[in-house]
Protein backbone atom coordinates (compact mmCIF):
# COMPACT_ATOMS: atom_id res chain seq x y z
CA GLN A 1 -15.23 -39.32 105.96
CA LEU A 2 -16.41 -43.07 106.17
CA GLN A 3 -19.14 -45.13 107.24
CA LEU A 4 -19.13 -48.53 107.99
CA VAL A 5 -22.21 -51.14 108.15
CA GLU A 6 -21.47 -54.40 109.44
CA SER A 7 -24.57 -57.54 108.93
CA GLY A 8 -24.11 -61.22 109.81
CA GLY A 9 -24.42 -61.48 113.48
CA GLY A 10 -26.87 -63.91 114.86
CA LEU A 11 -27.00 -66.52 117.21
CA VAL A 12 -24.93 -69.89 116.62
CA GLN A 13 -24.21 -73.30 118.31
CA PRO A 14 -20.86 -74.79 119.31
CA GLY A 15 -19.00 -75.57 116.41
CA GLY A 16 -21.23 -73.78 113.74
CA SER A 17 -20.14 -71.37 111.03
CA LEU A 18 -21.14 -67.89 110.98
CA LYS A 19 -20.24 -65.03 107.96
CA LEU A 20 -19.52 -61.20 108.98
CA VAL A 21 -19.68 -58.56 106.73
CA CYS A 22 -18.69 -54.55 106.98
CA ALA A 23 -19.72 -52.79 104.06
CA ALA A 24 -17.41 -49.73 103.45
CA SER A 25 -18.45 -45.84 101.71
CA GLY A 26 -17.13 -42.81 101.51
CA ASN A 27 -13.62 -41.89 100.74
CA LEU A 28 -11.95 -45.25 100.22
CA LEU A 29 -8.46 -43.64 98.88
CA ASN A 30 -6.35 -43.62 101.78
CA VAL A 31 -7.12 -46.69 104.13
CA TRP A 32 -4.31 -48.12 105.22
CA LEU A 33 -5.73 -50.99 107.64
CA ARG A 34 -9.34 -52.75 107.88
CA GLY A 35 -10.28 -55.38 110.43
CA TRP A 36 -12.87 -56.62 112.92
CA TYR A 37 -12.55 -56.51 116.80
CA ARG A 38 -14.52 -57.94 119.27
CA GLN A 39 -16.20 -57.10 122.89
CA ALA A 40 -17.07 -59.85 125.45
CA PRO A 41 -19.31 -58.50 128.75
CA GLY A 42 -17.11 -56.98 131.01
CA LYS A 43 -13.85 -57.23 128.69
CA PRO A 44 -11.72 -55.02 127.16
CA ARG A 45 -11.93 -54.74 123.11
CA GLU A 46 -9.90 -56.87 121.39
CA LEU A 47 -8.26 -57.46 117.75
CA VAL A 48 -9.64 -60.71 115.95
CA ALA A 49 -8.17 -60.41 112.83
CA GLU A 50 -6.59 -57.70 110.33
CA LEU A 51 -5.54 -56.80 106.95
CA ASN A 52 -2.16 -54.93 106.02
CA PRO A 53 -1.84 -52.36 103.36
CA ARG A 54 -0.95 -55.11 100.97
CA GLY A 55 -4.00 -57.07 102.01
CA PHE A 56 -2.03 -59.82 103.79
CA PRO A 57 -3.71 -61.00 107.08
CA SER A 58 -3.11 -61.63 110.81
CA TYR A 59 -4.87 -63.02 113.21
CA ALA A 60 -5.49 -63.32 117.62
CA ASP A 61 -4.13 -66.71 118.92
CA SER A 62 -7.61 -67.42 120.01
CA VAL A 63 -9.14 -67.45 116.36
CA LYS A 64 -6.07 -69.19 114.19
CA GLY A 65 -6.97 -71.56 111.90
CA ARG A 66 -10.90 -71.34 112.68
CA PHE A 67 -11.38 -67.90 111.71
CA ALA A 68 -10.71 -66.32 107.72
CA ILE A 69 -10.66 -62.37 107.49
CA SER A 70 -10.31 -61.03 103.35
CA GLY A 71 -11.81 -58.04 101.49
CA ASP A 72 -12.08 -57.03 97.67
CA ASN A 73 -9.18 -55.00 96.19
CA GLU A 74 -11.40 -51.77 96.23
CA LYS A 75 -11.47 -51.75 99.98
CA THR A 76 -15.43 -51.60 99.83
CA VAL A 77 -16.11 -54.35 102.02
CA VAL A 78 -14.22 -56.68 104.28
CA TYR A 79 -15.50 -59.90 105.29
CA LEU A 80 -15.17 -62.40 108.60
CA GLN A 81 -15.80 -66.08 108.22
CA MET A 82 -15.72 -67.63 111.71
CA ASN A 83 -15.95 -71.80 111.87
CA SER A 84 -16.08 -73.95 114.79
CA VAL A 85 -16.82 -71.07 117.13
CA ASN A 86 -17.24 -71.57 120.79
CA SER A 87 -18.75 -70.02 123.86
CA GLU A 88 -15.73 -67.67 124.04
CA ASP A 89 -16.48 -66.04 120.09
CA THR A 90 -19.90 -64.17 122.06
CA GLY A 91 -19.51 -60.78 122.15
CA VAL A 92 -20.24 -57.52 119.79
CA TYR A 93 -18.04 -57.76 116.53
CA PHE A 94 -16.95 -54.60 115.50
CA CYS A 95 -15.39 -53.50 111.62
CA TYR A 96 -12.78 -51.06 111.27
CA TYR A 97 -10.90 -48.90 109.08
CA GLN A 98 -8.02 -46.80 109.27
CA SER A 99 -7.82 -43.74 106.76
CA GLY A 100 -5.82 -41.12 107.02
CA GLY A 101 -4.31 -41.19 111.06
CA ILE A 102 -8.33 -41.87 111.49
CA ASP A 103 -10.01 -45.18 112.85
CA TYR A 104 -13.32 -45.88 111.95
CA TRP A 105 -15.90 -48.20 113.30
CA GLY A 106 -18.82 -49.28 112.57
CA GLN A 107 -21.94 -50.13 115.04
CA GLY A 108 -21.09 -53.39 116.06
CA THR A 109 -22.78 -56.28 115.51
CA GLN A 110 -23.72 -59.64 118.15
CA VAL A 111 -22.44 -63.22 118.21
CA THR A 112 -23.87 -65.36 120.25
CA VAL A 113 -22.47 -68.88 120.50
CA SER A 114 -25.21 -70.56 122.57
CA SER A 115 -26.71 -74.02 122.05
């Protein structure tokens, strides 16, 4: 079992920055993937960024060059640094871990980009 808790969401102006944090607890021995998804109103949940088992990142095309994902070697935390945000980045951001073939999700944190 894993528990994931996100923080760091909020209101940010276009062009601004925000850093999301996901704290993980529980059995972390078999964590394979970890990353962030987001869901905008009326749209399906989409992958934003992910760390592979070796810790190498991958990104959705829409955020490449603007967002950066990182995490610790112990897999207790994963971050999402969001820069140069725009209105299309608005949505609920969910942290996820994949461990033992099971996907675990946080409760989500709202990010709103607006002036």
